[in-house]
Amino acid sequence: MKKIIAIILVIFTLACLAACGSTVDNGGKGNDTKAESAKAEDATADAGSDTAGTPETSDKKDAENAGLTGELVFIDPDGDEVIRGVSISGNRSGTAEFNSKEPATEGIRCIFELNEYVEVLLDTEAGSVSAYVLEHRDDQSSYGKTDFSAPYDDFFAAFISEPDEDGYTGTFYVNPEDAEPGYYDLVFTVDRKAVASLVTRFFSEGELEAKTDAELEKLMRD
């Protein structure tokens, strides 16, 4: 009788051990599955985070960030009286019509190529007007506090307007050896003080040459 009881106990013990081993195995697999699921969720979250953090690179978003509008920003309260209008033309892109607009305070050409010969026509009675191409600032009004007293070296190109039969004109180009494609400010000064500015965008050499007037206009507005 004792032998029978002992055998039954042995069988019961072995059965319990087998059941415990099965539970441990299943538990391990369950943990692995959970770990893989968590990794997948993390990867998805990371991907979503990367997508959300990727800056928009469309021309429209860039133009909005830089304030590319083709409009003069008057820094001085009487700036619109000092400079009544501006017309800007280039020699690498656009038709004659695109490059021969009358001086105005809006609709001004504001995109160019590096190393492009750019001519500026000013409607002003201020006489000598100096202009500088500077790195873009989000706050255009800050130029009102900038000291443009000579010598002023923090610029990529500059000119002093001279009178001719059309009005006051000046020319400049941005050397590709000194500047990268991107957004810049064309700042007009009178008596060494900023009067108005125009946000501009300079492209790589040859990037605009094949574009139509409509495409150029779109780049300035979108």
Protein backbone atom coordinates (compact mmCIF):
# COMPACT_ATOMS: atom_id res chain seq x y z
CA MET A 1 0.00 0.00 0.00
CA LYS A 2 2.85 2.37 0.88
CA LYS A 3 4.50 1.61 -2.44
CA ILE A 4 1.29 2.47 -4.29
CA ILE A 5 1.00 5.77 -2.41
CA ALA A 6 4.65 6.58 -3.10
CA ILE A 7 4.18 5.89 -6.82
CA ILE A 8 1.08 8.11 -6.89
CA LEU A 9 3.02 10.94 -5.16
CA VAL A 10 5.89 10.60 -7.65
CA ILE A 11 3.48 10.74 -10.61
CA PHE A 12 1.70 13.77 -9.08
CA THR A 13 5.02 15.56 -8.49
CA LEU A 14 6.18 14.92 -12.04
CA ALA A 15 2.87 16.22 -13.38
CA CYS A 16 3.20 19.41 -11.33
CA LEU A 17 6.74 19.92 -12.51
CA ALA A 18 5.69 19.50 -16.13
CA ALA A 19 2.86 21.99 -15.69
CA CYS A 20 5.22 24.54 -14.11
CA GLY A 21 7.71 24.16 -16.94
CA SER A 22 4.96 24.72 -19.48
CA THR A 23 3.84 27.88 -17.68
CA VAL A 24 7.37 29.25 -17.60
CA ASP A 25 7.85 28.64 -21.31
CA ASN A 26 4.59 30.30 -22.22
CA GLY A 27 5.40 33.20 -19.92
CA GLY A 28 8.74 33.69 -21.65
CA LYS A 29 7.10 33.69 -25.07
CA GLY A 30 4.50 36.13 -23.82
CA ASN A 31 7.22 38.48 -22.60
CA ASP A 32 9.04 38.23 -25.93
CA THR A 33 5.83 39.08 -27.78
CA LYS A 34 5.21 42.04 -25.54
CA ALA A 35 8.78 43.24 -26.00
CA GLU A 36 8.50 42.97 -29.80
CA SER A 37 5.17 44.81 -29.70
CA ALA A 38 6.69 47.56 -27.57
CA LYS A 39 9.61 47.89 -30.00
CA ALA A 40 7.21 48.17 -32.92
CA GLU A 41 5.21 50.83 -31.11
CA ASP A 42 8.41 52.75 -30.30
CA ALA A 43 9.51 52.57 -33.93
CA THR A 44 6.13 53.85 -35.07
CA ALA A 45 6.28 56.65 -32.53
CA ASP A 46 9.80 57.55 -33.63
CA ALA A 47 8.73 57.60 -37.26
CA GLY A 48 5.77 59.81 -36.41
CA SER A 49 8.03 62.08 -34.42
CA ASP A 50 10.51 62.37 -37.29
CA THR A 51 7.71 63.18 -39.70
CA ALA A 52 6.28 65.81 -37.40
CA GLY A 53 9.69 67.33 -36.87
CA THR A 54 10.64 67.47 -40.55
CA PRO A 55 10.46 71.09 -41.72
CA GLU A 56 8.40 71.87 -44.77
CA THR A 57 10.69 72.63 -47.67
CA SER A 58 8.15 73.96 -50.15
CA ASP A 59 8.69 77.39 -51.63
CA LYS A 60 5.48 78.52 -49.96
CA LYS A 61 6.63 77.65 -46.45
CA ASP A 62 10.06 79.18 -47.04
CA ALA A 63 8.51 82.38 -48.38
CA GLU A 64 6.17 82.65 -45.40
CA ASN A 65 9.05 82.13 -42.96
CA ALA A 66 11.19 84.78 -44.59
CA GLY A 67 8.37 87.18 -45.37
CA LEU A 68 9.06 87.05 -49.11
CA THR A 69 6.31 89.34 -50.42
CA GLY A 70 7.93 91.68 -52.95
CA GLU A 71 6.85 94.62 -50.77
CA LEU A 72 8.98 97.34 -49.25
CA VAL A 73 9.13 97.35 -45.47
CA PHE A 74 9.39 100.93 -44.27
CA ILE A 75 11.66 101.13 -41.25
CA ASP A 76 11.56 104.89 -40.88
CA PRO A 77 8.10 106.45 -40.18
CA ASP A 78 8.63 108.77 -43.15
CA GLY A 79 10.24 106.10 -45.28
CA ASP A 80 7.47 106.03 -47.87
CA GLU A 81 8.07 109.73 -48.49
CA VAL A 82 11.83 109.28 -48.81
CA ILE A 83 11.57 106.25 -51.13
CA ARG A 84 8.31 106.29 -53.04
CA GLY A 85 9.05 103.20 -55.06
CA VAL A 86 11.64 100.70 -56.23
CA SER A 87 12.12 98.73 -59.44
CA ILE A 88 14.68 95.91 -59.62
CA SER A 89 15.83 94.00 -62.70
CA GLY A 90 18.33 91.25 -63.39
CA ASN A 91 20.16 89.96 -66.44
CA ARG A 92 19.89 86.19 -66.06
CA SER A 93 16.18 85.42 -66.05
CA GLY A 94 12.81 86.83 -67.02
CA THR A 95 11.65 88.74 -70.07
CA ALA A 96 12.18 92.45 -70.66
CA GLU A 97 8.64 93.05 -69.42
CA PHE A 98 9.34 91.17 -66.19
CA ASN A 99 12.48 93.24 -65.65
CA SER A 100 11.16 96.66 -66.61
CA LYS A 101 8.40 97.40 -64.13
CA GLU A 102 7.80 100.93 -62.89
CA PRO A 103 9.07 101.78 -59.38
CA ALA A 104 6.51 100.71 -56.78
CA THR A 105 6.24 99.72 -53.14
CA GLU A 106 4.90 96.24 -53.93
CA GLY A 107 5.19 93.70 -56.72
CA ILE A 108 8.94 94.30 -56.73
CA ARG A 109 11.21 91.64 -58.14
CA CYS A 110 12.82 89.96 -55.13
CA ILE A 111 14.44 86.77 -56.47
CA PHE A 112 17.82 86.61 -58.15
CA GLU A 113 20.77 84.34 -58.78
CA LEU A 114 24.13 84.58 -57.12
CA ASN A 115 26.54 86.48 -59.38
CA GLU A 116 23.65 88.09 -61.25
CA TYR A 117 24.00 91.68 -62.38
CA VAL A 118 21.16 93.46 -60.55
CA GLU A 119 20.03 97.01 -61.27
CA VAL A 120 17.91 99.06 -58.87
CA LEU A 121 15.85 102.09 -59.91
CA LEU A 122 14.64 104.36 -57.11
CA ASP A 123 11.80 106.85 -57.09
CA THR A 124 13.20 109.31 -54.57
CA GLU A 125 14.18 112.89 -54.03
CA ALA A 126 16.60 112.04 -51.25
CA GLY A 127 19.54 112.23 -53.61
CA SER A 128 22.15 109.71 -52.56
CA VAL A 129 20.67 106.45 -51.31
CA SER A 130 22.95 103.62 -50.20
CA ALA A 131 21.86 100.01 -50.12
CA TYR A 132 23.27 96.86 -48.56
CA VAL A 133 22.59 93.16 -49.06
CA LEU A 134 22.62 91.59 -45.59
CA GLU A 135 21.78 88.25 -44.02
CA HIS A 136 18.02 87.98 -43.52
CA ARG A 137 16.56 89.09 -40.21
CA ASP A 138 13.12 88.05 -39.05
CA ASP A 139 12.71 91.44 -37.40
CA GLN A 140 13.12 94.00 -40.18
CA SER A 141 12.51 96.86 -37.77
CA SER A 142 15.82 96.01 -36.06
CA TYR A 143 17.60 97.77 -38.93
CA GLY A 144 16.36 101.00 -37.41
CA LYS A 145 18.82 100.43 -34.58
CA THR A 146 21.69 99.29 -36.82
CA ASP A 147 24.62 101.65 -37.14
CA PHE A 148 25.41 102.04 -40.83
CA SER A 149 28.12 104.59 -40.18
CA ALA A 150 31.18 104.03 -42.35
CA PRO A 151 32.97 101.73 -42.38
CA TYR A 152 30.17 99.14 -42.34
CA ASP A 153 31.52 95.70 -43.26
CA ASP A 154 28.71 93.26 -42.45
CA PHE A 155 27.27 93.00 -45.97
CA PHE A 156 27.55 90.86 -49.12
CA ALA A 157 27.02 93.62 -51.68
CA ALA A 158 26.37 97.36 -51.66
CA PHE A 159 25.83 100.32 -53.93
CA ILE A 160 25.23 104.07 -53.86
CA SER A 161 22.54 105.36 -56.18
CA GLU A 162 23.46 107.88 -58.85
CA PRO A 163 21.12 110.13 -60.85
CA ASP A 164 20.49 109.42 -64.53
CA GLU A 165 17.72 110.14 -67.04
CA ASP A 166 15.42 107.59 -65.42
CA GLY A 167 15.98 108.60 -61.82
CA TYR A 168 18.39 107.30 -59.23
CA THR A 169 19.98 103.95 -60.10
CA GLY A 170 22.48 101.58 -58.57
CA THR A 171 23.85 98.13 -59.42
CA PHE A 172 25.18 95.20 -57.42
CA TYR A 173 25.81 91.47 -57.48
CA VAL A 174 26.30 88.90 -54.73
CA ASN A 175 29.48 86.92 -55.20
CA PRO A 176 28.86 83.15 -54.91
CA GLU A 177 32.27 82.82 -53.30
CA ASP A 178 31.06 84.92 -50.38
CA ALA A 179 27.43 83.86 -49.97
CA GLU A 180 25.25 80.76 -50.09
CA PRO A 181 21.82 80.50 -51.77
CA GLY A 182 19.13 81.68 -49.39
CA TYR A 183 17.28 84.69 -48.02
CA TYR A 184 18.81 88.13 -47.70
CA ASP A 185 17.64 91.66 -46.99
CA LEU A 186 18.21 94.59 -49.33
CA VAL A 187 18.36 97.54 -46.93
CA PHE A 188 18.13 101.14 -48.22
CA THR A 189 19.77 103.84 -46.15
CA VAL A 190 19.82 107.64 -46.27
CA ASP A 191 22.34 109.60 -44.22
CA ARG A 192 23.55 106.26 -42.79
CA LYS A 193 20.12 105.39 -41.39
CA ALA A 194 17.89 102.56 -42.60
CA VAL A 195 14.82 103.83 -44.39
CA ALA A 196 13.31 100.72 -45.99
CA SER A 197 14.11 97.09 -46.73
CA LEU A 198 13.12 94.34 -49.14
CA VAL A 199 13.38 90.64 -48.33
CA THR A 200 15.06 88.85 -51.22
CA ARG A 201 16.04 85.34 -52.16
CA PHE A 202 19.20 84.37 -54.03
CA PHE A 203 19.35 81.09 -55.94
CA SER A 204 22.37 79.23 -57.28
CA GLU A 205 23.80 80.38 -60.58
CA GLY A 206 21.73 79.12 -63.51
CA GLU A 207 18.81 77.97 -61.33
CA LEU A 208 16.35 80.58 -62.63
CA GLU A 209 17.46 80.98 -66.24
CA ALA A 210 15.01 78.49 -67.76
CA LYS A 211 11.97 79.66 -65.78
CA THR A 212 9.12 81.59 -67.36
CA ASP A 213 7.82 84.90 -66.03
CA ALA A 214 4.86 83.06 -64.49
CA GLU A 215 7.17 80.63 -62.71
CA LEU A 216 9.31 83.49 -61.43
CA GLU A 217 6.23 85.33 -60.18
CA LYS A 218 5.11 82.16 -58.41
CA LEU A 219 8.44 81.83 -56.64
CA MET A 220 8.01 85.37 -55.36
CA ARG A 221 4.49 84.83 -54.07
CA ASP A 222 4.19 81.20 -52.92
